[in-house]
C-alpha atoms as a PDB file:
ATOM      1  CA  MET A   1      11.585  24.354  30.167  1.00  0.00           C
ATOM      2  CA  LEU A   2      14.584  22.386  30.758  1.00  0.00           C
ATOM      3  CA  SER A   3      16.470  21.903  27.427  1.00  0.00           C
ATOM      4  CA  ARG A   4      16.850  18.164  28.207  1.00  0.00           C
ATOM      5  CA  THR A   5      12.864  17.775  28.182  1.00  0.00           C
ATOM      6  CA  ALA A   6      12.694  20.297  25.375  1.00  0.00           C
ATOM      7  CA  ASP A   7      15.113  18.040  23.506  1.00  0.00           C
ATOM      8  CA  HIS A   8      13.276  14.911  23.847  1.00  0.00           C
ATOM      9  CA  LEU A   9       9.995  15.980  22.662  1.00  0.00           C
ATOM     10  CA  PHE A  10      11.734  17.355  19.750  1.00  0.00           C
ATOM     11  CA  TRP A  11      13.406  14.373  18.833  1.00  0.00           C
ATOM     12  CA  MET A  12      10.220  12.422  19.370  1.00  0.00           C
ATOM     13  CA  ALA A  13       8.479  14.649  17.068  1.00  0.00           C
ATOM     14  CA  ARG A  14      11.134  14.308  14.510  1.00  0.00           C
ATOM     15  CA  TYR A  15      11.683  10.295  14.689  1.00  0.00           C
ATOM     16  CA  THR A  16       7.959   9.957  14.279  1.00  0.00           C
ATOM     17  CA  GLU A  17       8.042  12.434  11.056  1.00  0.00           C
ATOM     18  CA  ARG A  18      11.136  10.660  10.038  1.00  0.00           C
ATOM     19  CA  ALA A  19       9.611   7.145   9.974  1.00  0.00           C
ATOM     20  CA  GLU A  20       6.418   8.671   8.133  1.00  0.00           C
ATOM     21  CA  ASN A  21       8.566  10.057   5.333  1.00  0.00           C
ATOM     22  CA  THR A  22      11.030   6.954   5.104  1.00  0.00           C
ATOM     23  CA  ALA A  23       7.564   5.030   4.652  1.00  0.00           C
ATOM     24  CA  ARG A  24       6.667   7.399   1.808  1.00  0.00           C
ATOM     25  CA  MET A  25       9.758   7.165  -0.141  1.00  0.00           C
ATOM     26  CA  LEU A  26       9.754   3.526   0.006  1.00  0.00           C
ATOM     27  CA  ASP A  27       6.156   3.208  -1.116  1.00  0.00           C
ATOM     28  CA  ALA A  28       6.895   5.511  -4.207  1.00  0.00           C
ATOM     29  CA  ASN A  29       9.704   3.390  -5.279  1.00  0.00           C
ATOM     30  CA  TYR A  30       7.704   0.439  -4.339  1.00  0.00           C
ATOM     31  CA  GLN A  31       4.794   1.290  -6.578  1.00  0.00           C
ATOM     32  CA  LEU A  32       6.992   2.480  -9.540  1.00  0.00           C
ATOM     33  CA  ALA A  33       8.252  -1.158  -9.184  1.00  0.00           C
ATOM     34  CA  LEU A  34       5.241  -2.366 -10.152  1.00  0.00           C
ATOM     35  CA  VAL A  35       5.396  -0.846 -13.555  1.00  0.00           C
ATOM     36  CA  PRO A  36       7.040  -2.769 -16.572  1.00  0.00           C
ATOM     37  CA  GLN A  37      10.629  -1.503 -16.957  1.00  0.00           C
ATOM     38  CA  SER A  38      14.093  -2.867 -17.073  1.00  0.00           C
ATOM     39  CA  ASP A  39      15.935  -4.374 -14.083  1.00  0.00           C
ATOM     40  CA  GLU A  40      18.548  -1.514 -14.674  1.00  0.00           C
ATOM     41  CA  TYR A  41      15.834   1.278 -14.004  1.00  0.00           C
ATOM     42  CA  ALA A  42      14.011  -0.277 -11.447  1.00  0.00           C
ATOM     43  CA  ALA A  43      17.344  -0.688  -9.336  1.00  0.00           C
ATOM     44  CA  LEU A  44      18.290   3.086 -10.357  1.00  0.00           C
ATOM     45  CA  GLY A  45      15.287   4.122  -8.291  1.00  0.00           C
ATOM     46  CA  TRP A  46      16.544   2.275  -5.257  1.00  0.00           C
ATOM     47  CA  LYS A  47      19.960   3.288  -5.620  1.00  0.00           C
ATOM     48  CA  ALA A  48      18.953   6.905  -6.028  1.00  0.00           C
ATOM     49  CA  MET A  49      16.629   6.570  -2.820  1.00  0.00           C
ATOM     50  CA  LEU A  50      19.384   5.293  -0.789  1.00  0.00           C
ATOM     51  CA  SER A  51      21.931   7.483  -2.270  1.00  0.00           C
ATOM     52  CA  ILE A  52      19.880  10.983  -1.110  1.00  0.00           C
ATOM     53  CA  SER A  53      19.153   9.326   2.417  1.00  0.00           C
ATOM     54  CA  GLU A  54      23.208   8.743   2.440  1.00  0.00           C
ATOM     55  CA  LEU A  55      22.842   5.311   2.971  1.00  0.00           C
ATOM     56  CA  ALA A  56      24.117   3.901   0.063  1.00  0.00           C
ATOM     57  CA  GLY A  57      27.668   3.025   1.111  1.00  0.00           C
ATOM     58  CA  ILE A  58      26.249   1.127   4.401  1.00  0.00           C
ATOM     59  CA  TYR A  59      23.732  -0.636   2.288  1.00  0.00           C
ATOM     60  CA  ALA A  60      26.432  -1.767  -0.274  1.00  0.00           C
ATOM     61  CA  ALA A  61      28.551  -3.136   2.426  1.00  0.00           C
ATOM     62  CA  ALA A  62      26.113  -5.545   3.588  1.00  0.00           C
ATOM     63  CA  HIS A  63      24.115  -6.479   0.477  1.00  0.00           C
ATOM     64  CA  PRO A  64      25.435  -7.555  -3.026  1.00  0.00           C
ATOM     65  CA  SER A  65      22.716  -6.517  -4.848  1.00  0.00           C
ATOM     66  CA  MET A  66      19.872  -3.478  -5.608  1.00  0.00           C
ATOM     67  CA  ALA A  67      17.074  -5.912  -5.318  1.00  0.00           C
ATOM     68  CA  SER A  68      14.117  -4.139  -3.465  1.00  0.00           C
ATOM     69  CA  ARG A  69      13.193  -6.646  -1.091  1.00  0.00           C
ATOM     70  CA  ASP A  70      16.441  -6.283   0.532  1.00  0.00           C
ATOM     71  CA  VAL A  71      16.537  -2.296   0.276  1.00  0.00           C
ATOM     72  CA  ILE A  72      13.233  -2.483   1.797  1.00  0.00           C
ATOM     73  CA  ALA A  73      14.147  -4.870   4.708  1.00  0.00           C
ATOM     74  CA  PHE A  74      17.284  -2.589   5.314  1.00  0.00           C
ATOM     75  CA  MET A  75      15.050   0.772   5.334  1.00  0.00           C
ATOM     76  CA  SER A  76      12.407  -0.716   7.546  1.00  0.00           C
ATOM     77  CA  SER A  77      13.379  -3.420   9.785  1.00  0.00           C
ATOM     78  CA  ASP A  78      17.126  -3.624   9.728  1.00  0.00           C
ATOM     79  CA  ARG A  79      18.252  -2.744  13.292  1.00  0.00           C
ATOM     80  CA  ASP A  80      21.740  -2.300  12.322  1.00  0.00           C
ATOM     81  CA  ASN A  81      20.646   0.515   9.987  1.00  0.00           C
ATOM     82  CA  LEU A  82      19.921   3.469  12.531  1.00  0.00           C
ATOM     83  CA  SER A  83      17.621   5.365  10.077  1.00  0.00           C
ATOM     84  CA  SER A  84      15.320   2.352   9.443  1.00  0.00           C
ATOM     85  CA  ILE A  85      11.724   2.477  10.138  1.00  0.00           C
ATOM     86  CA  VAL A  86      11.519   0.139  13.283  1.00  0.00           C
ATOM     87  CA  ASN A  87      14.450   2.263  14.613  1.00  0.00           C
ATOM     88  CA  CYS A  88      12.779   5.594  14.489  1.00  0.00           C
ATOM     89  CA  LEU A  89       9.610   4.380  15.924  1.00  0.00           C
ATOM     90  CA  ARG A  90      11.475   3.139  18.819  1.00  0.00           C
ATOM     91  CA  ALA A  91      13.561   6.202  19.159  1.00  0.00           C
ATOM     92  CA  ALA A  92      10.518   8.220  19.221  1.00  0.00           C
ATOM     93  CA  ARG A  93       8.615   5.780  21.916  1.00  0.00           C
ATOM     94  CA  GLU A  94      12.024   5.927  24.198  1.00  0.00           C
ATOM     95  CA  ASN A  95      11.680   9.682  23.803  1.00  0.00           C
ATOM     96  CA  ALA A  96       8.448   9.769  24.901  1.00  0.00           C
ATOM     97  CA  ARG A  97       8.958   7.930  27.777  1.00  0.00           C
ATOM     98  CA  ALA A  98      11.739   9.592  28.929  1.00  0.00           C
ATOM     99  CA  VAL A  99       9.822  12.753  29.511  1.00  0.00           C
ATOM    100  CA  ARG A 100       6.456  11.095  30.263  1.00  0.00           C
ATOM    101  CA  GLY A 101       5.157  13.847  32.451  1.00  0.00           C
ATOM    102  CA  SER A 102       4.900  16.219  29.986  1.00  0.00           C
ATOM    103  CA  ILE A 103       2.744  14.427  27.696  1.00  0.00           C
ATOM    104  CA  THR A 104      -0.470  13.677  27.606  1.00  0.00           C
ATOM    105  CA  THR A 105      -1.738   9.516  28.244  1.00  0.00           C
ATOM    106  CA  GLU A 106      -3.175   9.524  24.934  1.00  0.00           C
ATOM    107  CA  LEU A 107      -0.094  10.535  23.196  1.00  0.00           C
ATOM    108  CA  TRP A 108       1.738   7.965  24.993  1.00  0.00           C
ATOM    109  CA  GLU A 109      -0.353   5.189  24.458  1.00  0.00           C
ATOM    110  CA  THR A 110      -0.290   6.245  20.808  1.00  0.00           C
ATOM    111  CA  LEU A 111       3.416   6.040  20.856  1.00  0.00           C
ATOM    112  CA  ASN A 112       4.012   3.209  22.704  1.00  0.00           C
ATOM    113  CA  THR A 113       1.146   1.052  21.015  1.00  0.00           C
ATOM    114  CA  THR A 114       2.537   1.924  17.353  1.00  0.00           C
ATOM    115  CA  TRP A 115       6.278   0.743  18.774  1.00  0.00           C
ATOM    116  CA  LEU A 116       4.422  -2.462  19.805  1.00  0.00           C
ATOM    117  CA  GLU A 117       2.034  -3.170  16.807  1.00  0.00           C
ATOM    118  CA  ALA A 118       5.363  -2.232  14.365  1.00  0.00           C
ATOM    119  CA  GLN A 119       7.168  -5.570  16.280  1.00  0.00           C
ATOM    120  CA  ARG A 120       4.174  -7.868  15.758  1.00  0.00           C
ATOM    121  CA  MET A 121       3.448  -6.938  12.034  1.00  0.00           C
ATOM    122  CA  LEU A 122       7.133  -7.302  11.190  1.00  0.00           C
ATOM    123  CA  ALA A 123       7.306 -10.657  13.044  1.00  0.00           C
ATOM    124  CA  ASP A 124       4.250 -11.871  11.182  1.00  0.00           C
ATOM    125  CA  GLY A 125       6.034 -10.965   7.630  1.00  0.00           C
ATOM    126  CA  VAL A 126       3.908  -8.186   6.501  1.00  0.00           C
ATOM    127  CA  LEU A 127       7.169  -7.360   4.276  1.00  0.00           C
ATOM    128  CA  GLU A 128       7.088 -10.331   2.378  1.00  0.00           C
ATOM    129  CA  ARG A 129       3.577 -10.505   2.017  1.00  0.00           C
ATOM    130  CA  ASP A 130       2.557  -6.986   1.613  1.00  0.00           C
ATOM    131  CA  PRO A 131       4.907  -3.753   1.895  1.00  0.00           C
ATOM    132  CA  GLY A 132       2.716  -1.515   1.111  1.00  0.00           C
ATOM    133  CA  GLU A 133       0.156  -2.438   3.657  1.00  0.00           C
ATOM    134  CA  PHE A 134       3.199  -1.497   6.104  1.00  0.00           C
ATOM    135  CA  PHE A 135       4.059   1.620   4.346  1.00  0.00           C
ATOM    136  CA  GLU A 136       0.349   2.772   4.715  1.00  0.00           C
ATOM    137  CA  TRP A 137       0.045   1.869   8.379  1.00  0.00           C
ATOM    138  CA  VAL A 138       3.272   3.734   9.208  1.00  0.00           C
ATOM    139  CA  LYS A 139       1.937   7.096   7.486  1.00  0.00           C
ATOM    140  CA  PHE A 140      -1.508   6.308   9.694  1.00  0.00           C
ATOM    141  CA  ARG A 141       0.449   5.827  12.961  1.00  0.00           C
ATOM    142  CA  SER A 142       2.210   9.242  12.109  1.00  0.00           C
ATOM    143  CA  HIS A 143      -0.891  10.953  11.185  1.00  0.00           C
ATOM    144  CA  LEU A 144      -2.578   9.424  14.204  1.00  0.00           C
ATOM    145  CA  SER A 145       0.149  10.849  16.681  1.00  0.00           C
ATOM    146  CA  ARG A 146      -0.167  14.265  15.311  1.00  0.00           C
ATOM    147  CA  GLY A 147      -3.976  14.340  15.781  1.00  0.00           C
ATOM    148  CA  VAL A 148      -3.499  12.989  19.184  1.00  0.00           C
ATOM    149  CA  GLN A 149      -1.062  15.887  19.912  1.00  0.00           C
ATOM    150  CA  LEU A 150      -3.279  18.623  18.425  1.00  0.00           C
ATOM    151  CA  GLY A 151      -6.143  17.151  20.393  1.00  0.00           C
ATOM    152  CA  THR A 152      -5.066  16.511  23.703  1.00  0.00           C
ATOM    153  CA  MET A 153      -1.846  18.692  24.348  1.00  0.00           C
ATOM    154  CA  LEU A 154      -2.176  21.995  25.756  1.00  0.00           C
ATOM    155  CA  ARG A 155      -0.384  24.709  23.721  1.00  0.00           C
ATOM    156  CA  ASP A 156       2.561  25.652  25.976  1.00  0.00           C
ATOM    157  CA  GLU A 157       6.501  25.208  25.241  1.00  0.00           C
ATOM    158  CA  ALA A 158       5.956  21.265  25.093  1.00  0.00           C
ATOM    159  CA  PHE A 159       3.945  21.014  22.265  1.00  0.00           C
ATOM    160  CA  TYR A 160       5.619  23.979  20.538  1.00  0.00           C
ATOM    161  CA  PHE A 161       9.151  21.936  20.758  1.00  0.00           C
ATOM    162  CA  MET A 162       7.074  18.882  19.458  1.00  0.00           C
ATOM    163  CA  ARG A 163       5.906  21.090  16.121  1.00  0.00           C
ATOM    164  CA  LEU A 164       9.210  22.348  15.788  1.00  0.00           C
ATOM    165  CA  GLY A 165      10.818  19.003  15.506  1.00  0.00           C
ATOM    166  CA  THR A 166       7.922  17.807  13.110  1.00  0.00           C
ATOM    167  CA  PHE A 167       8.136  20.766  10.605  1.00  0.00           C
ATOM    168  CA  LEU A 168      12.262  20.360  10.666  1.00  0.00           C
ATOM    169  CA  GLU A 169      12.249  16.665   9.589  1.00  0.00           C
ATOM    170  CA  ARG A 170       9.318  17.296   7.311  1.00  0.00           C
ATOM    171  CA  ALA A 171      11.171  20.346   5.026  1.00  0.00           C
ATOM    172  CA  ASP A 172      14.329  18.069   5.183  1.00  0.00           C
ATOM    173  CA  ASN A 173      12.388  15.053   3.834  1.00  0.00           C
ATOM    174  CA  THR A 174      10.162  16.870   1.230  1.00  0.00           C
ATOM    175  CA  ALA A 175      13.361  17.972  -0.169  1.00  0.00           C
ATOM    176  CA  ARG A 176      14.894  14.764  -0.369  1.00  0.00           C
ATOM    177  CA  ILE A 177      12.117  12.980  -1.585  1.00  0.00           C
ATOM    178  CA  LEU A 178      12.018  15.641  -4.445  1.00  0.00           C
ATOM    179  CA  ASP A 179      15.708  15.444  -5.314  1.00  0.00           C
ATOM    180  CA  VAL A 180      15.456  11.557  -5.350  1.00  0.00           C
ATOM    181  CA  LYS A 181      14.018  11.830  -8.833  1.00  0.00           C
ATOM    182  CA  TYR A 182      16.484  14.388  -9.995  1.00  0.00           C
ATOM    183  CA  GLU A 183      19.504  11.900  -8.784  1.00  0.00           C
ATOM    184  CA  MET A 184      17.716   9.197 -11.003  1.00  0.00           C
ATOM    185  CA  LEU A 185      17.666  11.349 -13.969  1.00  0.00           C
ATOM    186  CA  GLU A 186      21.022  12.448 -13.381  1.00  0.00           C
ATOM    187  CA  GLN A 187      22.392   8.937 -13.055  1.00  0.00           C
ATOM    188  CA  ARG A 188      20.569   7.909 -16.299  1.00  0.00           C
ATOM    189  CA  GLY A 189      22.001  10.854 -18.106  1.00  0.00           C
ATOM    190  CA  GLY A 190      18.883  13.150 -18.344  1.00  0.00           C
ATOM    191  CA  ALA A 191      15.396  12.851 -19.434  1.00  0.00           C
ATOM    192  CA  SER A 192      15.020  10.575 -22.775  1.00  0.00           C
ATOM    193  CA  ALA A 193      12.777  11.499 -25.521  1.00  0.00           C
ATOM    194  CA  GLN A 194      11.951   7.945 -26.465  1.00  0.00           C
ATOM    195  CA  PRO A 195       8.282   7.225 -25.213  1.00  0.00           C
ATOM    196  CA  LEU A 196       9.231   4.722 -22.928  1.00  0.00           C
ATOM    197  CA  ALA A 197      11.207   6.910 -20.661  1.00  0.00           C
ATOM    198  CA  GLN A 198       8.568   9.669 -21.062  1.00  0.00           C
ATOM    199  CA  SER A 199       5.926   6.990 -19.752  1.00  0.00           C
ATOM    200  CA  LEU A 200       8.207   6.098 -17.280  1.00  0.00           C
ATOM    201  CA  ASP A 201       8.989   9.491 -15.974  1.00  0.00           C
ATOM    202  CA  TYR A 202       5.480  10.028 -15.775  1.00  0.00           C
ATOM    203  CA  TYR A 203       4.529   7.270 -13.742  1.00  0.00           C
ATOM    204  CA  HIS A 204       7.503   8.153 -11.565  1.00  0.00           C
ATOM    205  CA  TRP A 205       6.282  11.896 -11.046  1.00  0.00           C
ATOM    206  CA  ALA A 206       3.198  10.489 -10.297  1.00  0.00           C
ATOM    207  CA  ALA A 207       4.470   8.204  -7.691  1.00  0.00           C
ATOM    208  CA  VAL A 208       6.744  11.073  -5.716  1.00  0.00           C
ATOM    209  CA  LEU A 209       3.365  13.047  -5.443  1.00  0.00           C
ATOM    210  CA  ARG A 210       1.502  10.046  -4.249  1.00  0.00           C
ATOM    211  CA  SER A 211       4.168   9.388  -1.758  1.00  0.00           C
ATOM    212  CA  VAL A 212       3.770  13.227  -0.305  1.00  0.00           C
ATOM    213  CA  SER A 213      -0.192  12.691  -0.977  1.00  0.00           C
ATOM    214  CA  GLY A 214       0.199  15.287  -2.982  1.00  0.00           C
ATOM    215  CA  PHE A 215      -1.765  13.697  -6.398  1.00  0.00           C
ATOM    216  CA  GLU A 216      -5.159  14.955  -5.539  1.00  0.00           C
ATOM    217  CA  VAL A 217      -3.857  18.404  -4.838  1.00  0.00           C
ATOM    218  CA  TYR A 218      -1.668  18.816  -7.790  1.00  0.00           C
ATOM    219  CA  ARG A 219      -4.935  17.798  -9.980  1.00  0.00           C
ATOM    220  CA  LYS A 220      -7.235  20.208  -7.827  1.00  0.00           C
ATOM    221  CA  VAL A 221      -4.520  23.428  -8.057  1.00  0.00           C
ATOM    222  CA  TYR A 222      -2.999  23.013 -11.666  1.00  0.00           C
ATOM    223  CA  ARG A 223      -5.918  20.705 -13.315  1.00  0.00           C
ATOM    224  CA  ASP A 224      -3.553  19.887 -15.962  1.00  0.00           C
ATOM    225  CA  VAL A 225      -0.758  16.870 -16.740  1.00  0.00           C
ATOM    226  CA  ILE A 226       1.901  16.138 -14.542  1.00  0.00           C
ATOM    227  CA  VAL A 227       5.031  18.039 -15.461  1.00  0.00           C
ATOM    228  CA  PRO A 228       8.224  18.293 -13.567  1.00  0.00           C
ATOM    229  CA  GLU A 229       7.808  22.240 -13.179  1.00  0.00           C
ATOM    230  CA  ARG A 230       4.394  22.062 -11.394  1.00  0.00           C
ATOM    231  CA  VAL A 231       5.619  19.429  -9.152  1.00  0.00           C
ATOM    232  CA  ALA A 232       8.450  21.322  -8.196  1.00  0.00           C
ATOM    233  CA  HIS A 233       6.462  24.363  -7.629  1.00  0.00           C
ATOM    234  CA  LEU A 234       3.740  22.463  -5.422  1.00  0.00           C
ATOM    235  CA  LEU A 235       6.553  20.560  -3.293  1.00  0.00           C
ATOM    236  CA  ILE A 236       8.799  24.142  -2.849  1.00  0.00           C
ATOM    237  CA  LEU A 237       6.705  27.070  -3.082  1.00  0.00           C
ATOM    238  CA  CYS A 238       2.963  26.402  -2.848  1.00  0.00           C
ATOM    239  CA  ALA A 239       2.396  27.984   0.754  1.00  0.00           C
ATOM    240  CA  ASP A 240      -1.134  26.621   1.242  1.00  0.00           C
ATOM    241  CA  TRP A 241      -0.171  23.076   1.034  1.00  0.00           C
ATOM    242  CA  PRO A 242       1.154  21.782   4.428  1.00  0.00           C
ATOM    243  CA  ARG A 243       3.822  19.560   3.177  1.00  0.00           C
ATOM    244  CA  SER A 244       5.675  22.095   1.018  1.00  0.00           C
ATOM    245  CA  LEU A 245       9.322  23.829   1.833  1.00  0.00           C
ATOM    246  CA  ALA A 246       7.359  27.336   1.976  1.00  0.00           C
ATOM    247  CA  ALA A 247       4.625  26.066   4.474  1.00  0.00           C
ATOM    248  CA  SER A 248       6.949  23.997   6.714  1.00  0.00           C
ATOM    249  CA  LEU A 249       9.331  27.365   7.060  1.00  0.00           C
ATOM    250  CA  ASP A 250       6.447  29.224   7.614  1.00  0.00           C
ATOM    251  CA  GLU A 251       5.456  27.070  10.791  1.00  0.00           C
ATOM    252  CA  LEU A 252       9.216  27.075  11.777  1.00  0.00           C
ATOM    253  CA  GLY A 253       9.109  30.960  11.889  1.00  0.00           C
ATOM    254  CA  GLN A 254       6.121  30.938  13.730  1.00  0.00           C
ATOM    255  CA  ILE A 255       7.064  28.125  16.135  1.00  0.00           C
ATOM    256  CA  ILE A 256      10.315  29.919  16.769  1.00  0.00           C
ATOM    257  CA  GLY A 257       9.367  33.129  17.279  1.00  0.00           C
ATOM    258  CA  ARG A 258       7.215  31.354  20.459  1.00  0.00           C
ATOM    259  CA  VAL A 259       9.943  29.800  22.175  1.00  0.00           C
ATOM    260  CA  ARG A 260      12.572  32.294  21.701  1.00  0.00           C
ATOM    261  CA  ASN A 261      15.090  32.900  24.481  1.00  0.00           C
ATOM    262  CA  ALA A 262      17.875  35.032  25.116  1.00  0.00           C
ATOM    263  CA  ARG A 263      20.082  32.914  23.162  1.00  0.00           C
ATOM    264  CA  SER A 264      17.639  32.094  20.223  1.00  0.00           C
ATOM    265  CA  ALA A 265      18.461  35.438  17.852  1.00  0.00           C
ATOM    266  CA  GLN A 266      20.702  33.190  15.261  1.00  0.00           C
ATOM    267  CA  ALA A 267      18.256  30.865  14.889  1.00  0.00           C
ATOM    268  CA  GLU A 268      15.386  33.487  14.337  1.00  0.00           C
ATOM    269  CA  ALA A 269      17.630  35.223  11.725  1.00  0.00           C
ATOM    270  CA  MET A 270      18.432  32.021  10.084  1.00  0.00           C
ATOM    271  CA  VAL A 271      14.835  30.812   9.436  1.00  0.00           C
ATOM    272  CA  ALA A 272      13.860  34.301   8.896  1.00  0.00           C
ATOM    273  CA  ARG A 273      16.492  34.453   5.805  1.00  0.00           C
ATOM    274  CA  LEU A 274      15.948  30.879   4.160  1.00  0.00           C
ATOM    275  CA  HIS A 275      12.008  31.412   4.597  1.00  0.00           C
ATOM    276  CA  ALA A 276      12.282  34.947   2.622  1.00  0.00           C
ATOM    277  CA  ASP A 277      14.656  33.301   0.157  1.00  0.00           C
ATOM    278  CA  VAL A 278      12.174  30.425  -0.473  1.00  0.00           C
ATOM    279  CA  ARG A 279       9.246  32.687  -0.969  1.00  0.00           C
ATOM    280  CA  ALA A 280      11.051  35.063  -3.182  1.00  0.00           C
ATOM    281  CA  VAL A 281      12.509  32.500  -5.613  1.00  0.00           C
ATOM    282  CA  GLN A 282      10.627  31.055  -8.718  1.00  0.00           C
ATOM    283  CA  VAL A 283      10.537  27.738 -10.074  1.00  0.00           C
ATOM    284  CA  ALA A 284      12.267  29.031 -13.407  1.00  0.00           C
ATOM    285  CA  ASP A 285      15.336  30.506 -11.546  1.00  0.00           C
ATOM    286  CA  ILE A 286      15.276  27.136  -9.475  1.00  0.00           C
ATOM    287  CA  LEU A 287      15.428  25.266 -12.637  1.00  0.00           C
ATOM    288  CA  ARG A 288      18.190  27.305 -14.588  1.00  0.00           C
ATOM    289  CA  GLN A 289      20.510  26.928 -11.466  1.00  0.00           C
ATOM    290  CA  GLY A 290      19.254  23.231 -11.441  1.00  0.00           C
ATOM    291  CA  LEU A 291      17.038  21.788  -9.026  1.00  0.00           C
ATOM    292  CA  HIS A 292      19.396  19.278  -7.362  1.00  0.00           C
ATOM    293  CA  LEU A 293      21.959  22.058  -6.940  1.00  0.00           C
ATOM    294  CA  TRP A 294      19.256  24.172  -5.163  1.00  0.00           C
ATOM    295  CA  LEU A 295      17.646  21.480  -3.303  1.00  0.00           C
ATOM    296  CA  THR A 296      21.476  20.494  -1.961  1.00  0.00           C
ATOM    297  CA  GLU A 297      21.767  23.675  -0.644  1.00  0.00           C
ATOM    298  CA  PHE A 298      18.595  24.047   0.943  1.00  0.00           C
ATOM    299  CA  LEU A 299      19.448  20.691   2.789  1.00  0.00           C
ATOM    300  CA  ALA A 300      22.850  21.935   3.890  1.00  0.00           C
ATOM    301  CA  ARG A 301      20.783  25.531   5.240  1.00  0.00           C
ATOM    302  CA  ILE A 302      18.349  23.404   7.038  1.00  0.00           C
ATOM    303  CA  ASN A 303      20.670  20.725   8.761  1.00  0.00           C
ATOM    304  CA  GLU A 304      22.784  24.207   9.662  1.00  0.00           C
ATOM    305  CA  LEU A 305      19.300  25.339  11.072  1.00  0.00           C
ATOM    306  CA  GLY A 306      18.960  22.194  12.846  1.00  0.00           C
ATOM    307  CA  SER A 307      22.185  22.732  14.948  1.00  0.00           C
ATOM    308  CA  CYS A 308      21.833  26.081  15.300  1.00  0.00           C
ATOM    309  CA  ILE A 309      18.244  24.831  17.087  1.00  0.00           C
ATOM    310  CA  SER A 310      20.040  22.427  19.150  1.00  0.00           C
ATOM    311  CA  CYS A 311      22.631  24.999  20.363  1.00  0.00           C
ATOM    312  CA  ASP A 312      19.937  27.471  21.275  1.00  0.00           C
ATOM    313  CA  PHE A 313      17.219  25.245  22.898  1.00  0.00           C
ATOM    314  CA  LEU A 314      18.089  21.803  23.343  1.00  0.00           C
ATOM    315  CA  VAL A 315      20.811  19.553  24.487  1.00  0.00           C
ATOM    316  CA  PRO A 316      23.469  20.486  21.903  1.00  0.00           C
ATOM    317  CA  LEU A 317      24.636  17.681  19.353  1.00  0.00           C
ATOM    318  CA  ALA A 318      27.967  16.279  19.763  1.00  0.00           C
ATOM    319  CA  PRO A 319      30.798  18.236  17.914  1.00  0.00           C
ATOM    320  CA  GLU A 320      31.137  17.227  14.558  1.00  0.00           C
ATOM    321  CA  PRO A 321      34.757  15.057  13.898  1.00  0.00           C
ATOM    322  CA  THR A 322      37.148  16.302  11.546  1.00  0.00           C
ATOM    323  CA  VAL A 323      36.678  13.750   8.927  1.00  0.00           C
ATOM    324  CA  VAL A 324      33.374  13.382   7.177  1.00  0.00           C
ATOM    325  CA  GLN A 325      31.067  10.747   8.518  1.00  0.00           C
ATOM    326  CA  THR A 326      28.089   8.623   6.904  1.00  0.00           C
ATOM    327  CA  GLN A 327      24.545   9.421   8.126  1.00  0.00           C
ATOM    328  CA  SER A 328      24.664   6.174  10.616  1.00  0.00           C
ATOM    329  CA  GLN A 329      28.033   6.958  11.860  1.00  0.00           C
ATOM    330  CA  SER A 330      26.820  10.351  12.830  1.00  0.00           C
ATOM    331  CA  GLN A 331      23.764   8.923  14.422  1.00  0.00           C
ATOM    332  CA  ALA A 332      25.734   6.221  16.088  1.00  0.00           C
ATOM    333  CA  ALA A 333      27.917   8.722  17.759  1.00  0.00           C
ATOM    334  CA  SER A 334      25.271  11.044  18.936  1.00  0.00           C
ATOM    335  CA  GLN A 335      23.701   7.524  20.336  1.00  0.00           C
ATOM    336  CA  SER A 336      26.306   6.997  22.403  1.00  0.00           C
ATOM    337  CA  SER A 337      26.802  10.582  23.952  1.00  0.00           C
ATOM    338  CA  SER A 338      24.992  11.378  27.329  1.00  0.00           C
ATOM    339  CA  GLN A 339      22.372  13.321  25.166  1.00  0.00           C
ATOM    340  CA  SER A 340      18.735  11.846  24.671  1.00  0.00           C
ATOM    341  CA  GLN A 341      18.620   8.032  25.244  1.00  0.00           C
ATOM    342  CA  SER A 342      17.739   7.584  21.875  1.00  0.00           C
ATOM    343  CA  GLN A 343      18.830  10.693  19.738  1.00  0.00           C
ATOM    344  CA  ILE A 344      20.211  10.514  16.604  1.00  0.00           C
ATOM    345  CA  GLN A 345      21.693  13.617  14.471  1.00  0.00           C
ATOM    346  CA  PRO A 346      19.331  14.722  11.848  1.00  0.00           C
ATOM    347  CA  HIS A 347      20.042  13.961   7.746  1.00  0.00           C
ATOM    348  CA  ALA A 348      23.417  15.463   7.221  1.00  0.00           C
ATOM    349  CA  ALA A 349      23.358  17.836   4.037  1.00  0.00           C
END
């Protein structure tokens, strides 16, 4: 398969997954904002989400306050935010259009309809009326596109490059969703022993689980109250749950083995080491090191793996400049290159 075709397929799937996970993060914060709490604590949740997505500086430059409606609009429909849901859906559709002959008609129509329907819903004011409705719709359309892939695509290289993009993005975003909570705790100065703070913590962990469709799974697996250690175990180490880091890395290892080429030895070794390290670690070891520190290191390694995959299989990403860029600046540089029509670099660690 031509590397440019593989590149479009990879990013098509990655943008679809990114739109879904952005909707999941927003929905978790939106649901938590409905719980009685101080304005400062509510703003902390939105700030943590922007920070972990590396968009806090861009948001602050355009918005004077941390109002929930402004953050939701910025992350959902802002055309100037290259990581917004609407821009991710547009990019997924444009990458699909570029390789129309490599995907089935059903998959193309699903992605095209998603893009057209998203514009209609936003124009009708769904974010002002009921943001939760829009977030659920984005998740449903992402589920639908993956189902159409599984149900209509031949299990060839095109299929596997789409799956490669899906699980690389999922590993990155699951780690970020989990890290949002600890970013909040760090900014708040650690967990408080006061009953109100403990209650808010419970609702926040429940919102985190619901944001990754893990609330019912948690109840089934642990049959106990929600505690941070078990939430971390589910999202990181539970290989039987498809959104965990361990499960995503297991899929990545298998897929890279199927599409290997003469240059892919480094990517294969990298994913094997990362997978082995995750499977060998214990939750107690992660918490002893510090969950935020461990997740930061994991995100750096996932970003490095993504760059290696691009070099080994796809159209290589534009070289990084000597100065540190924000996420959206990196995305803009990638968009202006001669790579995929709508390619945006993955989240920087």
